[in-house]
Protein backbone atom coordinates (compact mmCIF):
# COMPACT_ATOMS: atom_id res chain seq x y z
CA UNK A 1 5.76 -39.81 -15.56
CA UNK A 2 2.60 -38.76 -14.33
CA UNK A 3 1.58 -35.76 -15.73
CA UNK A 4 1.36 -32.44 -13.74
CA UNK A 5 -2.21 -32.07 -11.83
CA UNK A 6 -4.22 -29.14 -13.72
CA UNK A 7 -6.35 -26.62 -12.21
CA UNK A 8 -9.81 -27.13 -12.80
CA UNK A 9 -10.60 -24.34 -15.55
CA UNK A 10 -13.54 -22.18 -14.06
CA UNK A 11 -15.58 -20.86 -16.35
CA UNK A 12 -14.95 -16.96 -17.11
CA UNK A 13 -18.13 -14.60 -15.44
CA UNK A 14 -19.45 -11.95 -18.07
CA UNK A 15 -18.90 -8.33 -17.56
CA UNK A 16 -21.05 -6.71 -15.45
CA UNK A 17 -21.62 -3.05 -13.78
CA UNK A 18 -20.22 -4.33 -10.83
CA UNK A 19 -17.27 -6.11 -11.82
CA UNK A 20 -16.48 -3.18 -13.92
CA UNK A 21 -16.97 -0.92 -10.75
CA UNK A 22 -14.94 -2.99 -8.80
CA UNK A 23 -11.99 -3.46 -11.36
CA UNK A 24 -11.75 -0.05 -11.70
CA UNK A 25 -12.16 0.72 -7.54
CA UNK A 26 -9.39 -2.07 -7.11
CA UNK A 27 -7.18 -0.02 -9.84
CA UNK A 28 -7.49 3.73 -8.55
CA UNK A 29 -6.70 2.36 -4.72
CA UNK A 30 -3.11 1.23 -5.91
CA UNK A 31 -2.53 3.68 -9.17
CA UNK A 32 -3.48 7.69 -9.88
CA UNK A 33 -4.83 7.94 -13.11
CA UNK A 34 -6.56 10.10 -15.80
CA UNK A 35 -10.00 9.90 -16.84
CA UNK A 36 -8.23 8.33 -20.15
CA UNK A 37 -6.07 5.71 -18.85
CA UNK A 38 -8.76 4.86 -17.15
CA UNK A 39 -10.93 4.42 -20.01
CA UNK A 40 -7.94 2.14 -21.73
CA UNK A 41 -7.41 0.25 -18.98
CA UNK A 42 -10.65 -1.18 -18.22
CA UNK A 43 -11.40 -1.42 -21.87
CA UNK A 44 -8.29 -4.02 -21.68
CA UNK A 45 -10.15 -5.76 -18.85
CA UNK A 46 -13.40 -5.83 -21.08
CA UNK A 47 -11.57 -6.95 -23.97
CA UNK A 48 -9.73 -10.11 -22.00
CA UNK A 49 -12.48 -11.09 -20.35
CA UNK A 50 -15.26 -10.66 -23.13
CA UNK A 51 -13.29 -12.55 -25.42
CA UNK A 52 -12.78 -15.26 -23.07
CA UNK A 53 -16.90 -15.36 -22.93
CA UNK A 54 -17.16 -15.63 -26.43
CA UNK A 55 -18.56 -11.49 -26.22
CA UNK A 56 -18.05 -8.72 -28.76
CA UNK A 57 -16.11 -6.29 -26.51
CA UNK A 58 -17.54 -3.10 -28.30
CA UNK A 59 -20.58 -3.82 -26.69
CA UNK A 60 -19.16 -2.92 -23.28
CA UNK A 61 -17.98 0.90 -24.25
CA UNK A 62 -20.87 2.39 -23.04
CA UNK A 63 -20.86 0.36 -19.54
CA UNK A 64 -17.10 1.42 -19.15
CA UNK A 65 -18.08 5.30 -20.24
CA UNK A 66 -20.26 4.89 -17.36
CA UNK A 67 -18.22 3.81 -14.84
CA UNK A 68 -15.60 6.66 -15.48
CA UNK A 69 -17.97 8.87 -15.59
CA UNK A 70 -19.11 7.57 -12.15
CA UNK A 71 -15.59 8.10 -10.72
CA UNK A 72 -15.67 11.48 -12.21
CA UNK A 73 -18.39 12.53 -10.06
CA UNK A 74 -17.18 11.03 -7.38
CA UNK A 75 -14.41 12.88 -7.30
CA UNK A 76 -11.94 9.62 -7.15
CA UNK A 77 -10.71 11.22 -10.88
CA UNK A 78 -9.50 14.46 -11.38
CA UNK A 79 -7.07 15.28 -14.50
CA UNK A 80 -5.91 18.73 -12.71
CA UNK A 81 -4.77 17.13 -9.84
CA UNK A 82 -3.30 14.33 -11.37
CA UNK A 83 -1.45 16.64 -13.76
CA UNK A 84 -0.14 18.75 -11.01
CA UNK A 85 1.03 15.66 -9.03
CA UNK A 86 2.57 13.90 -11.45
CA UNK A 87 4.39 16.94 -12.76
CA UNK A 88 5.66 18.15 -8.99
CA UNK A 89 7.12 14.19 -9.12
CA UNK A 90 8.49 14.73 -12.47
CA UNK A 91 10.12 18.08 -11.65
CA UNK A 92 11.66 16.78 -8.88
CA UNK A 93 13.27 13.93 -10.28
CA UNK A 94 14.96 16.17 -12.98
CA UNK A 95 12.78 16.28 -15.70
CA UNK A 96 12.13 18.71 -18.72
CA UNK A 97 9.42 20.65 -19.37
CA UNK A 98 9.44 19.45 -22.77
CA UNK A 99 9.28 15.75 -21.57
CA UNK A 100 7.20 16.68 -18.55
CA UNK A 101 4.26 17.54 -21.40
CA UNK A 102 4.86 14.42 -23.43
CA UNK A 103 4.26 11.96 -20.57
CA UNK A 104 1.13 13.69 -19.17
CA UNK A 105 -0.25 13.55 -22.86
CA UNK A 106 0.69 9.88 -22.77
CA UNK A 107 -1.32 9.87 -19.60
CA UNK A 108 -4.17 11.37 -21.03
CA UNK A 109 -4.21 14.71 -19.88
CA UNK A 110 -5.53 17.36 -22.39
CA UNK A 111 -3.75 20.04 -23.68
CA UNK A 112 -5.59 22.53 -22.05
CA UNK A 113 -4.57 20.96 -18.44
CA UNK A 114 -1.68 20.42 -19.73
CA UNK A 115 -0.75 24.13 -20.27
CA UNK A 116 -2.05 25.72 -17.32
CA UNK A 117 -0.04 23.44 -14.83
CA UNK A 118 2.79 24.02 -16.78
CA UNK A 119 2.38 27.27 -16.37
CA UNK A 120 1.99 27.15 -12.31
CA UNK A 121 5.25 24.58 -12.15
CA UNK A 122 7.89 26.97 -9.92
CA UNK A 123 10.40 24.75 -10.65
CA UNK A 124 13.58 26.08 -12.67
CA UNK A 125 14.91 24.46 -15.64
CA UNK A 126 18.58 24.80 -14.95
CA UNK A 127 17.54 22.93 -11.86
CA UNK A 128 15.99 19.96 -13.02
CA UNK A 129 18.74 19.45 -15.96
CA UNK A 130 21.00 19.44 -12.47
CA UNK A 131 19.36 16.94 -10.91
CA UNK A 132 19.06 14.96 -13.55
CA UNK A 133 22.98 15.20 -13.58
CA UNK A 134 23.08 14.43 -10.12
CA UNK A 135 20.26 11.00 -10.52
CA UNK A 136 22.61 9.98 -13.19
CA UNK A 137 25.50 10.35 -12.34
CA UNK A 138 26.75 13.26 -15.18
CA UNK A 139 28.96 16.07 -15.32
CA UNK A 140 30.46 16.75 -12.12
CA UNK A 141 29.40 14.29 -10.41
CA UNK A 142 30.67 11.73 -11.88
CA UNK A 143 33.69 9.78 -10.18
CA UNK A 144 35.98 10.14 -12.74
CA UNK A 145 36.54 10.49 -16.49
CA UNK A 146 34.61 14.07 -16.39
CA UNK A 147 36.47 16.05 -18.72
CA UNK A 148 36.30 12.83 -21.15
CA UNK A 149 32.91 12.38 -21.26
CA UNK A 150 31.55 16.08 -21.15
CA UNK A 151 30.36 16.10 -24.84
CA UNK A 152 28.56 12.44 -24.08
CA UNK A 153 26.91 13.92 -20.79
CA UNK A 154 25.79 17.02 -22.65
CA UNK A 155 24.24 15.37 -25.36
CA UNK A 156 22.32 12.65 -22.43
CA UNK A 157 21.01 16.17 -20.94
CA UNK A 158 19.70 17.45 -24.29
CA UNK A 159 18.46 14.16 -24.88
CA UNK A 160 16.70 14.21 -21.76
CA UNK A 161 14.87 17.21 -23.62
CA UNK A 162 17.17 20.21 -21.93
CA UNK A 163 18.36 23.37 -24.27
CA UNK A 164 21.94 23.09 -24.97
CA UNK A 165 22.58 26.27 -22.55
CA UNK A 166 21.19 24.43 -19.49
CA UNK A 167 22.65 21.22 -20.18
CA UNK A 168 26.11 22.65 -20.46
CA UNK A 169 25.70 24.55 -17.44
CA UNK A 170 24.63 21.87 -15.47
CA UNK A 171 27.40 19.65 -16.42
CA UNK A 172 30.26 22.19 -15.86
CA UNK A 173 29.16 23.23 -13.10
CA UNK A 174 30.31 21.89 -9.69
CA UNK A 175 28.52 19.25 -7.27
CA UNK A 176 26.41 21.21 -4.61
CA UNK A 177 28.04 20.19 -1.11
CA UNK A 178 25.24 19.41 0.17
CA UNK A 179 24.39 16.21 -2.60
């Protein structure tokens, strides 16, 4: 038997300012991001490429910072608008305020921005709990065994970051007729 033909290994290109700008641009075309998240993505890309070239990844730290700063100056990267859009999306899905704040923090949005965006959020916590119950088919949206599963359903909403009162109200309530 013959061995399968292997691709000729191309030499890995070095990390350059242009490559880093193109990589960041391509990433931002596909995903909304924060400064901290884009910095993490670019650092991972630089680490892979630099190690393949036998270079030290930390030597390109200033280049990564320069690239992120360039995208902020071009207004293609804005933590506040990202946080507003992400919070609106999370709340529509039924995410609690507590869990929404944690998800924004994971993406690198600073506490002050999270607090100011949360202050502007008009979504009622009880409505968000009802939306999550509907999406996960808990409580009034369960097809059968509703009474037997009540405590588990309440616990599921509490694990999602809702208070007992909001979780119990969402589970004990009736399904909306227009759902």
